[in-house]
């Protein structure tokens, strides 16, 4: 009997350590001490963005694409894949917002995306329908009814010296690959691919003699053309429908 009693004592003590204390007859249980005063819940941290690089996938990439579209950049289809079209739209956004043009998106990019800048007009005349081209930062803005309708990355004249035959010429002419600054107007255009002495142009819209806006398979971050203004193929597919004939074009190289 004594052994049995001795074995029961620690079991009772163990149970009482895990269960609430019951009131004794005629006595009220002491209130449990309030823990909220010593251990307050931690405040929730604001939502943060992960660093994105080309090739990333996920819902945050889709949210990025939708945000860029809302701001009138064109990242292509909102498919949640950080591909070439999204990268070109990111470059344009970074250029407008005076950020370093890189495919990697970190804190400074997300901050700018929450509070984006409006593109600066290129000329004193702000026609309701016009195209502004920034040669220094390599982007253009197409305005409709006084508001940006499209902002896209471009690649203009490389500045390199080259020689080529013009149409009907028998000897080549040498010059620098530059996109001239000034005020122009859109003129002749062609649908689909057009072959020129310097290469193929997709859906070209000419605005300064033989200089045109056109789609290209290669639109690098830096100037690389013979003088024309290259734009992404998916943008060039509908650009001619947005810009009419005789629309002002302001080409500048701002500080």
Protein backbone atom coordinates (compact mmCIF):
# COMPACT_ATOMS: atom_id res chain seq x y z
CA UNK A 1 0.00 0.00 0.00
CA UNK A 2 2.79 2.48 0.78
CA UNK A 3 4.47 1.78 -2.55
CA UNK A 4 1.23 2.44 -4.40
CA UNK A 5 0.73 5.72 -2.55
CA UNK A 6 4.26 6.79 -3.33
CA UNK A 7 3.75 6.16 -7.03
CA UNK A 8 0.55 8.17 -7.17
CA UNK A 9 2.03 11.36 -5.70
CA UNK A 10 4.23 12.42 -8.69
CA UNK A 11 1.41 11.61 -11.12
CA UNK A 12 -0.91 13.99 -9.33
CA UNK A 13 1.76 16.68 -9.19
CA UNK A 14 2.51 16.26 -12.93
CA UNK A 15 -1.13 16.59 -13.84
CA UNK A 16 -1.59 19.72 -11.77
CA UNK A 17 1.34 21.38 -13.51
CA UNK A 18 -0.42 21.13 -16.95
CA UNK A 19 -4.00 21.89 -15.90
CA UNK A 20 -5.60 25.07 -14.54
CA UNK A 21 -5.86 25.29 -10.75
CA UNK A 22 -9.37 24.50 -9.51
CA UNK A 23 -11.09 26.62 -6.88
CA UNK A 24 -11.02 25.20 -3.41
CA UNK A 25 -14.24 25.06 -1.47
CA UNK A 26 -15.10 28.54 -0.14
CA UNK A 27 -12.16 30.26 -1.85
CA UNK A 28 -12.04 32.12 -5.16
CA UNK A 29 -9.29 31.29 -7.56
CA UNK A 30 -6.66 33.98 -7.98
CA UNK A 31 -6.91 35.68 -11.38
CA UNK A 32 -4.20 34.69 -13.85
CA UNK A 33 -1.63 37.46 -14.44
CA UNK A 34 -2.14 39.42 -17.62
CA UNK A 35 0.59 38.64 -20.14
CA UNK A 36 -0.32 41.28 -22.68
CA UNK A 37 1.50 43.95 -20.71
CA UNK A 38 4.82 42.11 -20.81
CA UNK A 39 4.59 40.43 -24.21
CA UNK A 40 2.83 42.55 -26.80
CA UNK A 41 2.23 41.22 -30.31
CA UNK A 42 4.88 42.35 -32.77
CA UNK A 43 3.71 44.83 -35.39
CA UNK A 44 3.34 43.36 -38.84
CA UNK A 45 6.07 44.31 -41.28
CA UNK A 46 5.02 45.97 -44.52
CA UNK A 47 4.90 43.71 -47.55
CA UNK A 48 8.24 43.50 -49.33
CA UNK A 49 9.15 42.54 -52.88
CA UNK A 50 11.69 39.92 -53.74
CA UNK A 51 14.52 40.81 -56.08
CA UNK A 52 13.54 39.82 -59.61
CA UNK A 53 15.82 38.89 -62.45
CA UNK A 54 15.06 37.96 -66.07
CA UNK A 55 13.74 34.42 -66.15
CA UNK A 56 11.81 34.77 -62.89
CA UNK A 57 8.26 33.44 -62.74
CA UNK A 58 5.34 33.82 -60.38
CA UNK A 59 2.35 35.93 -59.34
CA UNK A 60 4.59 38.87 -58.40
CA UNK A 61 5.90 38.96 -61.97
CA UNK A 62 2.31 39.02 -63.23
CA UNK A 63 1.54 41.87 -60.81
CA UNK A 64 4.58 43.74 -62.18
CA UNK A 65 3.39 43.28 -65.74
CA UNK A 66 -0.10 44.55 -64.91
CA UNK A 67 1.32 47.56 -63.08
CA UNK A 68 3.54 48.48 -66.03
CA UNK A 69 0.56 48.13 -68.38
CA UNK A 70 -1.51 50.45 -66.18
CA UNK A 71 1.30 53.01 -66.43
CA UNK A 72 1.23 52.74 -70.28
CA UNK A 73 4.34 50.64 -70.68
CA UNK A 74 3.95 47.43 -72.67
CA UNK A 75 5.52 44.31 -71.09
CA UNK A 76 3.60 42.00 -73.38
CA UNK A 77 1.15 39.43 -72.10
CA UNK A 78 0.71 39.30 -68.32
CA UNK A 79 1.77 35.67 -68.10
CA UNK A 80 3.89 35.81 -64.94
CA UNK A 81 7.14 35.20 -66.85
CA UNK A 82 9.92 37.78 -66.79
CA UNK A 83 10.90 37.48 -70.44
CA UNK A 84 12.38 39.82 -73.10
CA UNK A 85 9.21 41.91 -73.61
CA UNK A 86 8.93 42.61 -69.88
CA UNK A 87 12.61 43.47 -69.69
CA UNK A 88 12.23 46.06 -72.48
CA UNK A 89 9.28 47.65 -70.64
CA UNK A 90 11.36 47.68 -67.44
CA UNK A 91 14.16 49.51 -69.28
CA UNK A 92 11.72 52.17 -70.44
CA UNK A 93 10.32 52.61 -66.93
CA UNK A 94 13.81 52.89 -65.47
CA UNK A 95 14.76 55.49 -68.09
CA UNK A 96 11.74 57.68 -67.38
CA UNK A 97 12.31 57.41 -63.63
CA UNK A 98 16.05 58.12 -63.84
CA UNK A 99 17.07 54.69 -62.59
CA UNK A 100 20.00 52.61 -63.75
CA UNK A 101 18.83 50.45 -66.62
CA UNK A 102 19.26 46.89 -65.47
CA UNK A 103 17.18 43.76 -65.63
CA UNK A 104 17.53 43.13 -61.90
CA UNK A 105 14.73 44.73 -59.89
CA UNK A 106 15.50 45.71 -56.30
CA UNK A 107 14.33 48.15 -53.64
CA UNK A 108 14.84 51.34 -55.67
CA UNK A 109 12.79 49.94 -58.54
CA UNK A 110 9.85 48.88 -56.35
CA UNK A 111 9.87 52.27 -54.63
CA UNK A 112 9.73 54.05 -57.98
CA UNK A 113 6.97 51.72 -59.17
CA UNK A 114 4.84 52.79 -56.20
CA UNK A 115 5.49 56.48 -56.93
CA UNK A 116 6.28 56.73 -60.67
CA UNK A 117 7.35 59.88 -62.50
CA UNK A 118 5.60 61.24 -65.53
CA UNK A 119 7.78 61.51 -68.66
CA UNK A 120 9.08 64.99 -69.36
CA UNK A 121 7.87 66.70 -72.55
CA UNK A 122 10.58 67.00 -75.17
CA UNK A 123 9.48 70.34 -76.66
CA UNK A 124 7.76 73.54 -75.60
CA UNK A 125 4.80 72.74 -77.81
CA UNK A 126 2.67 70.10 -76.16
CA UNK A 127 0.36 68.94 -78.93
CA UNK A 128 -2.41 66.67 -77.69
CA UNK A 129 -1.37 64.01 -80.22
CA UNK A 130 2.39 63.73 -80.68
CA UNK A 131 5.45 61.51 -80.30
CA UNK A 132 8.33 62.54 -78.03
CA UNK A 133 11.69 60.79 -78.44
CA UNK A 134 14.43 60.97 -75.79
CA UNK A 135 17.69 59.97 -77.45
CA UNK A 136 19.75 60.22 -74.29
CA UNK A 137 17.62 57.78 -72.31
CA UNK A 138 16.34 55.75 -75.28
CA UNK A 139 12.58 55.86 -74.94
CA UNK A 140 9.63 57.39 -76.74
CA UNK A 141 6.22 58.51 -75.56
CA UNK A 142 3.17 58.53 -77.80
CA UNK A 143 0.55 61.00 -76.58
CA UNK A 144 -3.15 60.77 -77.35
CA UNK A 145 -5.50 63.52 -76.21
CA UNK A 146 -2.72 65.05 -74.12
CA UNK A 147 -1.96 61.90 -72.13
CA UNK A 148 0.67 59.17 -72.57
CA UNK A 149 -0.84 56.29 -74.49
CA UNK A 150 2.38 54.32 -74.97
CA UNK A 151 5.86 54.49 -73.42
CA UNK A 152 8.42 52.16 -74.92
CA UNK A 153 12.13 51.47 -75.04
CA UNK A 154 13.88 52.26 -78.34
CA UNK A 155 17.31 51.98 -79.93
CA UNK A 156 18.38 54.90 -82.14
CA UNK A 157 21.47 55.74 -84.22
CA UNK A 158 24.70 54.25 -82.88
CA UNK A 159 26.93 57.14 -83.97
CA UNK A 160 29.27 54.78 -85.80
CA UNK A 161 30.78 55.58 -89.20
CA UNK A 162 29.55 53.36 -92.05
CA UNK A 163 29.30 53.22 -95.84
CA UNK A 164 26.34 51.97 -97.87
CA UNK A 165 24.67 52.44 -101.25
CA UNK A 166 21.45 54.42 -101.30
CA UNK A 167 18.56 53.42 -103.54
CA UNK A 168 19.55 53.90 -107.20
CA UNK A 169 23.16 54.83 -106.33
CA UNK A 170 26.13 53.16 -108.02
CA UNK A 171 28.72 54.01 -105.38
CA UNK A 172 28.41 53.78 -101.60
CA UNK A 173 28.02 56.89 -99.47
CA UNK A 174 29.73 57.14 -96.10
CA UNK A 175 28.24 58.85 -93.05
CA UNK A 176 27.68 58.58 -89.30
CA UNK A 177 24.78 56.56 -87.96
CA UNK A 178 22.88 59.31 -86.19
CA UNK A 179 19.26 60.08 -85.43
CA UNK A 180 18.89 63.79 -85.95
CA UNK A 181 17.18 65.98 -83.37
CA UNK A 182 14.40 68.40 -84.37
CA UNK A 183 10.69 68.70 -85.00
CA UNK A 184 9.16 66.49 -87.67
CA UNK A 185 5.88 64.88 -88.71
CA UNK A 186 4.91 61.31 -89.49
CA UNK A 187 4.60 60.53 -93.18
CA UNK A 188 4.85 57.48 -95.40
CA UNK A 189 4.37 54.05 -93.87
CA UNK A 190 4.40 50.43 -94.93
CA UNK A 191 2.77 47.29 -93.60
CA UNK A 192 4.83 44.25 -92.71
CA UNK A 193 8.49 43.91 -93.62
CA UNK A 194 10.09 46.49 -95.90
CA UNK A 195 13.61 45.99 -97.23
CA UNK A 196 15.88 49.04 -97.29
CA UNK A 197 19.54 49.40 -98.33
CA UNK A 198 20.45 49.06 -94.65
CA UNK A 199 18.24 46.16 -93.67
CA UNK A 200 14.65 45.13 -93.01
CA UNK A 201 12.12 47.32 -91.22
CA UNK A 202 8.88 46.03 -89.73
CA UNK A 203 5.81 48.28 -90.05
CA UNK A 204 7.90 51.42 -90.64
CA UNK A 205 6.43 54.87 -90.04
CA UNK A 206 8.74 57.50 -91.57
CA UNK A 207 9.10 60.92 -89.97
CA UNK A 208 12.38 62.41 -91.23
CA UNK A 209 13.23 61.48 -94.81
CA UNK A 210 14.50 57.90 -94.66
CA UNK A 211 14.39 57.80 -90.86
CA UNK A 212 11.50 55.77 -89.47
CA UNK A 213 10.01 54.21 -86.38
CA UNK A 214 10.01 50.48 -87.01
CA UNK A 215 10.01 47.11 -85.33
CA UNK A 216 13.25 45.14 -85.10
CA UNK A 217 14.21 41.72 -83.88
CA UNK A 218 17.08 43.26 -81.91
CA UNK A 219 16.42 46.31 -79.72
CA UNK A 220 19.42 46.51 -77.38
CA UNK A 221 19.69 48.77 -74.37
CA UNK A 222 22.15 51.12 -76.12
CA UNK A 223 21.84 52.94 -79.49
CA UNK A 224 22.59 50.46 -82.29
CA UNK A 225 20.72 51.44 -85.46
CA UNK A 226 21.86 53.22 -88.63
CA UNK A 227 19.64 56.17 -87.69
CA UNK A 228 16.12 54.81 -87.49
CA UNK A 229 14.26 54.39 -84.20
CA UNK A 230 13.92 50.69 -83.45
CA UNK A 231 11.15 49.47 -81.18
CA UNK A 232 10.10 46.05 -79.87
CA UNK A 233 8.29 43.86 -82.37
CA UNK A 234 5.16 43.45 -80.22
CA UNK A 235 4.90 47.25 -79.97
CA UNK A 236 5.53 47.83 -83.68
CA UNK A 237 2.64 45.49 -84.42
CA UNK A 238 0.09 48.12 -83.37
CA UNK A 239 2.10 51.37 -83.27
CA UNK A 240 0.98 52.47 -86.78
CA UNK A 241 -2.66 52.20 -85.67
CA UNK A 242 -2.02 54.58 -82.76
CA UNK A 243 -0.16 57.28 -84.67
CA UNK A 244 -1.75 58.98 -87.66
CA UNK A 245 -0.15 60.74 -90.62
CA UNK A 246 1.09 64.27 -90.05
CA UNK A 247 1.46 63.79 -86.29
CA UNK A 248 4.20 65.96 -84.71
CA UNK A 249 7.40 64.20 -83.67
CA UNK A 250 9.84 65.90 -81.29
CA UNK A 251 13.29 64.34 -81.12
CA UNK A 252 15.62 65.63 -78.44
CA UNK A 253 18.74 64.76 -76.47
CA UNK A 254 17.96 66.38 -73.11
CA UNK A 255 20.47 66.78 -70.28
